[in-house]
């Protein structure tokens, strides 16, 4: 994250310097750096969201299994209580 922010700042600085010096190629290079960071950041965020969704689905399945097991324990406790 800090690398991405640093590259964005560097790209912005390069772009502003290129604009100030009236050097179009350097200004465009700065914009390309910013654009590359933005696109890579977008892909990283999509990967993280996909990973979080998979973890969420696994957690829901595990909680369903736990709920079923707790239902079984509840039945066993009722049977134990009624046998006393």
PDB file of N, CA and C in Angstrom:
ATOM      1  N   UNK A   1       0.821  -1.181   0.000  1.00  0.00           N
ATOM      2  CA  UNK A   1       0.000   0.000   0.000  1.00  0.00           C
ATOM      3  C   UNK A   1       0.874   1.257   0.000  1.00  0.00           C
ATOM      4  N   UNK A   2       1.906   1.242   0.844  1.00  0.00           N
ATOM      5  CA  UNK A   2       2.777   2.415   0.899  1.00  0.00           C
ATOM      6  C   UNK A   2       3.537   2.591  -0.410  1.00  0.00           C
ATOM      7  N   UNK A   3       3.904   1.461  -1.035  1.00  0.00           N
ATOM      8  CA  UNK A   3       4.581   1.532  -2.332  1.00  0.00           C
ATOM      9  C   UNK A   3       3.659   2.149  -3.379  1.00  0.00           C
ATOM     10  N   UNK A   4       2.398   1.730  -3.380  1.00  0.00           N
ATOM     11  CA  UNK A   4       1.444   2.276  -4.347  1.00  0.00           C
ATOM     12  C   UNK A   4       1.254   3.774  -4.124  1.00  0.00           C
ATOM     13  N   UNK A   5       1.103   4.168  -2.876  1.00  0.00           N
ATOM     14  CA  UNK A   5       0.934   5.597  -2.593  1.00  0.00           C
ATOM     15  C   UNK A   5       2.181   6.390  -2.980  1.00  0.00           C
ATOM     16  N   UNK A   6       3.341   5.808  -2.732  1.00  0.00           N
ATOM     17  CA  UNK A   6       4.589   6.480  -3.107  1.00  0.00           C
ATOM     18  C   UNK A   6       4.693   6.629  -4.623  1.00  0.00           C
ATOM     19  N   UNK A   7       4.342   5.555  -5.338  1.00  0.00           N
ATOM     20  CA  UNK A   7       4.396   5.632  -6.804  1.00  0.00           C
ATOM     21  C   UNK A   7       3.393   6.640  -7.352  1.00  0.00           C
ATOM     22  N   UNK A   8       2.213   6.727  -6.713  1.00  0.00           N
ATOM     23  CA  UNK A   8       1.233   7.721  -7.144  1.00  0.00           C
ATOM     24  C   UNK A   8       1.793   9.139  -6.941  1.00  0.00           C
ATOM     25  N   UNK A   9       2.425   9.356  -5.786  1.00  0.00           N
ATOM     26  CA  UNK A   9       3.001  10.677  -5.510  1.00  0.00           C
ATOM     27  C   UNK A   9       4.139  10.990  -6.483  1.00  0.00           C
ATOM     28  N   UNK A  10       4.975   9.985  -6.746  1.00  0.00           N
ATOM     29  CA  UNK A  10       6.085  10.187  -7.694  1.00  0.00           C
ATOM     30  C   UNK A  10       5.540  10.479  -9.087  1.00  0.00           C
ATOM     31  N   UNK A  11       4.538   9.694  -9.507  1.00  0.00           N
ATOM     32  CA  UNK A  11       3.933   9.924 -10.821  1.00  0.00           C
ATOM     33  C   UNK A  11       3.310  11.304 -10.917  1.00  0.00           C
ATOM     34  N   UNK A  12       2.639  11.729  -9.843  1.00  0.00           N
ATOM     35  CA  UNK A  12       2.066  13.071  -9.836  1.00  0.00           C
ATOM     36  C   UNK A  12       3.133  14.146  -9.904  1.00  0.00           C
ATOM     37  N   UNK A  13       4.212  13.937  -9.145  1.00  0.00           N
ATOM     38  CA  UNK A  13       5.306  14.911  -9.175  1.00  0.00           C
ATOM     39  C   UNK A  13       5.976  14.973 -10.532  1.00  0.00           C
ATOM     40  N   UNK A  14       6.220  13.814 -11.141  1.00  0.00           N
ATOM     41  CA  UNK A  14       6.837  13.783 -12.473  1.00  0.00           C
ATOM     42  C   UNK A  14       5.927  14.481 -13.486  1.00  0.00           C
ATOM     43  N   UNK A  15       4.630  14.189 -13.387  1.00  0.00           N
ATOM     44  CA  UNK A  15       3.679  14.799 -14.319  1.00  0.00           C
ATOM     45  C   UNK A  15       3.639  16.317 -14.146  1.00  0.00           C
ATOM     46  N   UNK A  16       3.573  16.784 -12.916  1.00  0.00           N
ATOM     47  CA  UNK A  16       3.556  18.230 -12.682  1.00  0.00           C
ATOM     48  C   UNK A  16       4.848  18.891 -13.135  1.00  0.00           C
ATOM     49  N   UNK A  17       5.976  18.228 -12.914  1.00  0.00           N
ATOM     50  CA  UNK A  17       7.254  18.780 -13.354  1.00  0.00           C
ATOM     51  C   UNK A  17       7.302  18.870 -14.873  1.00  0.00           C
ATOM     52  N   UNK A  18       6.777  17.810 -15.534  1.00  0.00           N
ATOM     53  CA  UNK A  18       6.744  17.830 -16.996  1.00  0.00           C
ATOM     54  C   UNK A  18       5.851  18.934 -17.531  1.00  0.00           C
ATOM     55  N   UNK A  19       4.733  19.180 -16.848  1.00  0.00           N
ATOM     56  CA  UNK A  19       3.835  20.266 -17.265  1.00  0.00           C
ATOM     57  C   UNK A  19       4.517  21.622 -17.057  1.00  0.00           C
ATOM     58  N   UNK A  20       5.207  21.767 -15.929  1.00  0.00           N
ATOM     59  CA  UNK A  20       5.876  23.035 -15.632  1.00  0.00           C
ATOM     60  C   UNK A  20       6.988  23.321 -16.640  1.00  0.00           C
ATOM     61  N   UNK A  21       7.702  22.284 -17.040  1.00  0.00           N
ATOM     62  CA  UNK A  21       8.818  22.457 -17.980  1.00  0.00           C
ATOM     63  C   UNK A  21       8.371  22.406 -19.445  1.00  0.00           C
ATOM     64  N   UNK A  22       7.079  22.188 -19.663  1.00  0.00           N
ATOM     65  CA  UNK A  22       6.516  22.084 -21.018  1.00  0.00           C
ATOM     66  C   UNK A  22       7.137  20.921 -21.793  1.00  0.00           C
ATOM     67  N   UNK A  23       7.339  19.805 -21.096  1.00  0.00           N
ATOM     68  CA  UNK A  23       7.859  18.586 -21.728  1.00  0.00           C
ATOM     69  C   UNK A  23       6.726  17.554 -21.684  1.00  0.00           C
ATOM     70  N   UNK A  24       6.061  17.413 -22.807  1.00  0.00           N
ATOM     71  CA  UNK A  24       4.863  16.569 -22.861  1.00  0.00           C
ATOM     72  C   UNK A  24       5.174  15.110 -22.547  1.00  0.00           C
ATOM     73  N   UNK A  25       6.305  14.603 -23.039  1.00  0.00           N
ATOM     74  CA  UNK A  25       6.607  13.183 -22.839  1.00  0.00           C
ATOM     75  C   UNK A  25       6.807  12.858 -21.357  1.00  0.00           C
ATOM     76  N   UNK A  26       7.397  13.754 -20.605  1.00  0.00           N
ATOM     77  CA  UNK A  26       7.590  13.512 -19.173  1.00  0.00           C
ATOM     78  C   UNK A  26       6.255  13.625 -18.440  1.00  0.00           C
ATOM     79  N   UNK A  27       5.428  14.575 -18.829  1.00  0.00           N
ATOM     80  CA  UNK A  27       4.107  14.698 -18.211  1.00  0.00           C
ATOM     81  C   UNK A  27       3.283  13.439 -18.472  1.00  0.00           C
ATOM     82  N   UNK A  28       3.350  12.919 -19.683  1.00  0.00           N
ATOM     83  CA  UNK A  28       2.626  11.691 -20.016  1.00  0.00           C
ATOM     84  C   UNK A  28       3.202  10.481 -19.276  1.00  0.00           C
ATOM     85  N   UNK A  29       4.512  10.472 -19.069  1.00  0.00           N
ATOM     86  CA  UNK A  29       5.131   9.384 -18.310  1.00  0.00           C
ATOM     87  C   UNK A  29       4.594   9.366 -16.885  1.00  0.00           C
ATOM     88  N   UNK A  30       4.473  10.523 -16.277  1.00  0.00           N
ATOM     89  CA  UNK A  30       3.899  10.615 -14.936  1.00  0.00           C
ATOM     90  C   UNK A  30       2.465  10.112 -14.907  1.00  0.00           C
ATOM     91  N   UNK A  31       1.689  10.471 -15.923  1.00  0.00           N
ATOM     92  CA  UNK A  31       0.307  10.007 -16.001  1.00  0.00           C
ATOM     93  C   UNK A  31       0.231   8.494 -16.225  1.00  0.00           C
ATOM     94  N   UNK A  32       1.163   7.956 -16.987  1.00  0.00           N
ATOM     95  CA  UNK A  32       1.208   6.502 -17.202  1.00  0.00           C
ATOM     96  C   UNK A  32       1.535   5.792 -15.889  1.00  0.00           C
ATOM     97  N   UNK A  33       2.434   6.358 -15.101  1.00  0.00           N
ATOM     98  CA  UNK A  33       2.748   5.776 -13.792  1.00  0.00           C
ATOM     99  C   UNK A  33       1.509   5.765 -12.913  1.00  0.00           C
ATOM    100  N   UNK A  34       0.798   6.885 -12.877  1.00  0.00           N
ATOM    101  CA  UNK A  34      -0.426   6.961 -12.071  1.00  0.00           C
ATOM    102  C   UNK A  34      -1.457   5.959 -12.574  1.00  0.00           C
ATOM    103  N   UNK A  35      -1.645   5.879 -13.883  1.00  0.00           N
ATOM    104  CA  UNK A  35      -2.608   4.948 -14.458  1.00  0.00           C
ATOM    105  C   UNK A  35      -2.264   3.497 -14.175  1.00  0.00           C
ATOM    106  N   UNK A  36      -0.995   3.164 -14.250  1.00  0.00           N
ATOM    107  CA  UNK A  36      -0.557   1.791 -13.974  1.00  0.00           C
ATOM    108  C   UNK A  36      -0.832   1.420 -12.523  1.00  0.00           C
ATOM    109  N   UNK A  37      -0.556   2.341 -11.622  1.00  0.00           N
ATOM    110  CA  UNK A  37      -0.828   2.082 -10.203  1.00  0.00           C
ATOM    111  C   UNK A  37      -2.330   1.911  -9.976  1.00  0.00           C
ATOM    112  N   UNK A  38      -3.136   2.747 -10.613  1.00  0.00           N
ATOM    113  CA  UNK A  38      -4.595   2.642 -10.437  1.00  0.00           C
ATOM    114  C   UNK A  38      -5.124   1.306 -10.942  1.00  0.00           C
ATOM    115  N   UNK A  39      -4.680   0.870 -12.102  1.00  0.00           N
ATOM    116  CA  UNK A  39      -5.151  -0.403 -12.660  1.00  0.00           C
ATOM    117  C   UNK A  39      -4.694  -1.570 -11.794  1.00  0.00           C
ATOM    118  N   UNK A  40      -3.434  -1.562 -11.373  1.00  0.00           N
ATOM    119  CA  UNK A  40      -2.950  -2.664 -10.534  1.00  0.00           C
ATOM    120  C   UNK A  40      -3.663  -2.670  -9.189  1.00  0.00           C
ATOM    121  N   UNK A  41      -3.940  -1.485  -8.652  1.00  0.00           N
ATOM    122  CA  UNK A  41      -4.679  -1.389  -7.394  1.00  0.00           C
ATOM    123  C   UNK A  41      -6.077  -1.971  -7.584  1.00  0.00           C
ATOM    124  N   UNK A  42      -6.753  -1.703  -8.694  1.00  0.00           N
ATOM    125  CA  UNK A  42      -8.090  -2.222  -8.960  1.00  0.00           C
ATOM    126  C   UNK A  42      -8.077  -3.749  -8.989  1.00  0.00           C
ATOM    127  N   UNK A  43      -7.099  -4.337  -9.711  1.00  0.00           N
ATOM    128  CA  UNK A  43      -7.007  -5.796  -9.762  1.00  0.00           C
ATOM    129  C   UNK A  43      -6.756  -6.374  -8.373  1.00  0.00           C
ATOM    130  N   UNK A  44      -5.919  -5.729  -7.573  1.00  0.00           N
ATOM    131  CA  UNK A  44      -5.637  -6.206  -6.221  1.00  0.00           C
ATOM    132  C   UNK A  44      -6.908  -6.182  -5.376  1.00  0.00           C
ATOM    133  N   UNK A  45      -7.676  -5.109  -5.477  1.00  0.00           N
ATOM    134  CA  UNK A  45      -8.921  -5.004  -4.708  1.00  0.00           C
ATOM    135  C   UNK A  45      -9.903  -6.094  -5.137  1.00  0.00           C
ATOM    136  N   UNK A  46     -10.019  -6.356  -6.434  1.00  0.00           N
ATOM    137  CA  UNK A  46     -10.923  -7.412  -6.911  1.00  0.00           C
ATOM    138  C   UNK A  46     -10.478  -8.781  -6.394  1.00  0.00           C
ATOM    139  N   UNK A  47      -9.172  -9.025  -6.350  1.00  0.00           N
ATOM    140  CA  UNK A  47      -8.655 -10.290  -5.813  1.00  0.00           C
ATOM    141  C   UNK A  47      -8.999 -10.423  -4.333  1.00  0.00           C
ATOM    142  N   UNK A  48      -8.844  -9.350  -3.576  1.00  0.00           N
ATOM    143  CA  UNK A  48      -9.150  -9.379  -2.145  1.00  0.00           C
ATOM    144  C   UNK A  48     -10.639  -9.608  -1.920  1.00  0.00           C
ATOM    145  N   UNK A  49     -11.485  -8.961  -2.716  1.00  0.00           N
ATOM    146  CA  UNK A  49     -12.929  -9.161  -2.570  1.00  0.00           C
ATOM    147  C   UNK A  49     -13.295 -10.606  -2.862  1.00  0.00           C
ATOM    148  N   UNK A  50     -12.711 -11.188  -3.912  1.00  0.00           N
ATOM    149  CA  UNK A  50     -12.982 -12.591  -4.243  1.00  0.00           C
ATOM    150  C   UNK A  50     -12.545 -13.506  -3.109  1.00  0.00           C
ATOM    151  N   UNK A  51     -11.386 -13.239  -2.534  1.00  0.00           N
ATOM    152  CA  UNK A  51     -10.889 -14.045  -1.419  1.00  0.00           C
ATOM    153  C   UNK A  51     -11.814 -13.918  -0.209  1.00  0.00           C
ATOM    154  N   UNK A  52     -12.262 -12.705   0.082  1.00  0.00           N
ATOM    155  CA  UNK A  52     -13.158 -12.501   1.225  1.00  0.00           C
ATOM    156  C   UNK A  52     -14.493 -13.202   1.014  1.00  0.00           C
ATOM    157  N   UNK A  53     -15.015 -13.196  -0.201  1.00  0.00           N
ATOM    158  CA  UNK A  53     -16.273 -13.887  -0.485  1.00  0.00           C
ATOM    159  C   UNK A  53     -16.119 -15.391  -0.292  1.00  0.00           C
ATOM    160  N   UNK A  54     -14.988 -15.949  -0.725  1.00  0.00           N
ATOM    161  CA  UNK A  54     -14.746 -17.383  -0.540  1.00  0.00           C
ATOM    162  C   UNK A  54     -14.650 -17.723   0.948  1.00  0.00           C
ATOM    163  N   UNK A  55     -13.952 -16.899   1.710  1.00  0.00           N
ATOM    164  CA  UNK A  55     -13.855 -17.129   3.154  1.00  0.00           C
ATOM    165  C   UNK A  55     -15.217 -17.008   3.824  1.00  0.00           C
ATOM    166  N   UNK A  56     -16.015 -16.056   3.378  1.00  0.00           N
ATOM    167  CA  UNK A  56     -17.351 -15.879   3.928  1.00  0.00           C
ATOM    168  C   UNK A  56     -18.214 -17.109   3.652  1.00  0.00           C
ATOM    169  N   UNK A  57     -18.150 -17.638   2.442  1.00  0.00           N
ATOM    170  CA  UNK A  57     -18.933 -18.823   2.100  1.00  0.00           C
ATOM    171  C   UNK A  57     -18.507 -20.025   2.937  1.00  0.00           C
ATOM    172  N   UNK A  58     -17.199 -20.191   3.129  1.00  0.00           N
ATOM    173  CA  UNK A  58     -16.713 -21.296   3.968  1.00  0.00           C
ATOM    174  C   UNK A  58     -17.178 -21.137   5.410  1.00  0.00           C
ATOM    175  N   UNK A  59     -17.181 -19.916   5.892  1.00  0.00           N
ATOM    176  CA  UNK A  59     -17.620 -19.661   7.265  1.00  0.00           C
ATOM    177  C   UNK A  59     -19.102 -19.982   7.427  1.00  0.00           C
ATOM    178  N   UNK A  60     -19.904 -19.589   6.459  1.00  0.00           N
ATOM    179  CA  UNK A  60     -21.340 -19.876   6.521  1.00  0.00           C
ATOM    180  C   UNK A  60     -21.575 -21.379   6.549  1.00  0.00           C
ATOM    181  N   UNK A  61     -20.842 -22.126   5.717  1.00  0.00           N
ATOM    182  CA  UNK A  61     -20.988 -23.581   5.711  1.00  0.00           C
ATOM    183  C   UNK A  61     -20.585 -24.174   7.058  1.00  0.00           C
ATOM    184  N   UNK A  62     -19.513 -23.677   7.628  1.00  0.00           N
ATOM    185  CA  UNK A  62     -19.062 -24.178   8.929  1.00  0.00           C
ATOM    186  C   UNK A  62     -20.084 -23.863  10.013  1.00  0.00           C
ATOM    187  N   UNK A  63     -20.665 -22.673   9.963  1.00  0.00           N
ATOM    188  CA  UNK A  63     -21.662 -22.306  10.967  1.00  0.00           C
ATOM    189  C   UNK A  63     -22.916 -23.170  10.829  1.00  0.00           C
ATOM    190  N   UNK A  64     -23.272 -23.538   9.611  1.00  0.00           N
ATOM    191  CA  UNK A  64     -24.422 -24.429   9.395  1.00  0.00           C
ATOM    192  C   UNK A  64     -24.149 -25.786  10.025  1.00  0.00           C
ATOM    193  N   UNK A  65     -22.922 -26.300   9.840  1.00  0.00           N
ATOM    194  CA  UNK A  65     -22.554 -27.579  10.449  1.00  0.00           C
ATOM    195  C   UNK A  65     -22.592 -27.488  11.974  1.00  0.00           C
ATOM    196  N   UNK A  66     -22.129 -26.385  12.515  1.00  0.00           N
ATOM    197  CA  UNK A  66     -22.139 -26.199  13.975  1.00  0.00           C
ATOM    198  C   UNK A  66     -23.577 -26.140  14.477  1.00  0.00           C
ATOM    199  N   UNK A  67     -24.443 -25.466  13.742  1.00  0.00           N
ATOM    200  CA  UNK A  67     -25.847 -25.377  14.143  1.00  0.00           C
ATOM    201  C   UNK A  67     -26.481 -26.774  14.150  1.00  0.00           C
ATOM    202  N   UNK A  68     -26.157 -27.593  13.164  1.00  0.00           N
ATOM    203  CA  UNK A  68     -26.688 -28.960  13.131  1.00  0.00           C
ATOM    204  C   UNK A  68     -26.158 -29.766  14.311  1.00  0.00           C
ATOM    205  N   UNK A  69     -24.878 -29.619  14.609  1.00  0.00           N
ATOM    206  CA  UNK A  69     -24.289 -30.335  15.745  1.00  0.00           C
ATOM    207  C   UNK A  69     -24.919 -29.883  17.062  1.00  0.00           C
ATOM    208  N   UNK A  70     -25.169 -28.576  17.197  1.00  0.00           N
ATOM    209  CA  UNK A  70     -25.818 -28.089  18.416  1.00  0.00           C
ATOM    210  C   UNK A  70     -27.242 -28.641  18.538  1.00  0.00           C
ATOM    211  N   UNK A  71     -27.925 -28.800  17.421  1.00  0.00           N
ATOM    212  CA  UNK A  71     -29.247 -29.421  17.446  1.00  0.00           C
ATOM    213  C   UNK A  71     -29.180 -30.857  17.940  1.00  0.00           C
ATOM    214  N   UNK A  72     -28.150 -31.578  17.516  1.00  0.00           N
ATOM    215  CA  UNK A  72     -27.957 -32.956  17.971  1.00  0.00           C
ATOM    216  C   UNK A  72     -27.670 -32.994  19.465  1.00  0.00           C
ATOM    217  N   UNK A  73     -26.823 -32.087  19.932  1.00  0.00           N
ATOM    218  CA  UNK A  73     -26.514 -32.017  21.365  1.00  0.00           C
ATOM    219  C   UNK A  73     -27.766 -31.688  22.161  1.00  0.00           C
ATOM    220  N   UNK A  74     -28.589 -30.803  21.658  1.00  0.00           N
ATOM    221  CA  UNK A  74     -29.832 -30.427  22.336  1.00  0.00           C
ATOM    222  C   UNK A  74     -30.747 -31.650  22.467  1.00  0.00           C
ATOM    223  N   UNK A  75     -30.857 -32.425  21.412  1.00  0.00           N
ATOM    224  CA  UNK A  75     -31.675 -33.645  21.459  1.00  0.00           C
ATOM    225  C   UNK A  75     -31.112 -34.630  22.473  1.00  0.00           C
ATOM    226  N   UNK A  76     -29.806 -34.799  22.483  1.00  0.00           N
ATOM    227  CA  UNK A  76     -29.181 -35.722  23.438  1.00  0.00           C
ATOM    228  C   UNK A  76     -29.399 -35.263  24.872  1.00  0.00           C
ATOM    229  N   UNK A  77     -29.302 -33.934  25.105  1.00  0.00           N
ATOM    230  CA  UNK A  77     -29.533 -33.419  26.456  1.00  0.00           C
ATOM    231  C   UNK A  77     -30.983 -33.616  26.891  1.00  0.00           C
ATOM    232  N   UNK A  78     -31.920 -33.455  25.983  1.00  0.00           N
ATOM    233  CA  UNK A  78     -33.326 -33.693  26.317  1.00  0.00           C
ATOM    234  C   UNK A  78     -33.552 -35.166  26.660  1.00  0.00           C
ATOM    235  N   UNK A  79     -32.925 -36.061  25.892  1.00  0.00           N
ATOM    236  CA  UNK A  79     -33.047 -37.489  26.180  1.00  0.00           C
ATOM    237  C   UNK A  79     -32.432 -37.822  27.533  1.00  0.00           C
ATOM    238  N   UNK A  80     -31.291 -37.230  27.827  1.00  0.00           N
ATOM    239  CA  UNK A  80     -30.627 -37.478  29.111  1.00  0.00           C
ATOM    240  C   UNK A  80     -31.491 -36.953  30.271  1.00  0.00           C
ATOM    241  N   UNK A  81     -32.050 -35.753  30.067  1.00  0.00           N
ATOM    242  CA  UNK A  81     -32.873 -35.164  31.120  1.00  0.00           C
ATOM    243  C   UNK A  81     -34.161 -35.971  31.356  1.00  0.00           C
ATOM    244  N   UNK A  82     -34.733 -36.484  30.290  1.00  0.00           N
ATOM    245  CA  UNK A  82     -35.974 -37.265  30.440  1.00  0.00           C
ATOM    246  C   UNK A  82     -35.703 -38.648  31.044  1.00  0.00           C
ATOM    247  N   UNK A  83     -34.483 -39.162  30.893  1.00  0.00           N
ATOM    248  CA  UNK A  83     -34.163 -40.489  31.461  1.00  0.00           C
ATOM    249  C   UNK A  83     -33.842 -40.396  32.961  1.00  0.00           C
ATOM    250  N   UNK A  84     -33.604 -39.231  33.481  1.00  0.00           N
ATOM    251  CA  UNK A  84     -33.264 -39.071  34.907  1.00  0.00           C
ATOM    252  C   UNK A  84     -34.460 -39.093  35.738  1.00  0.00           C
TER     253      UNK A  84
END
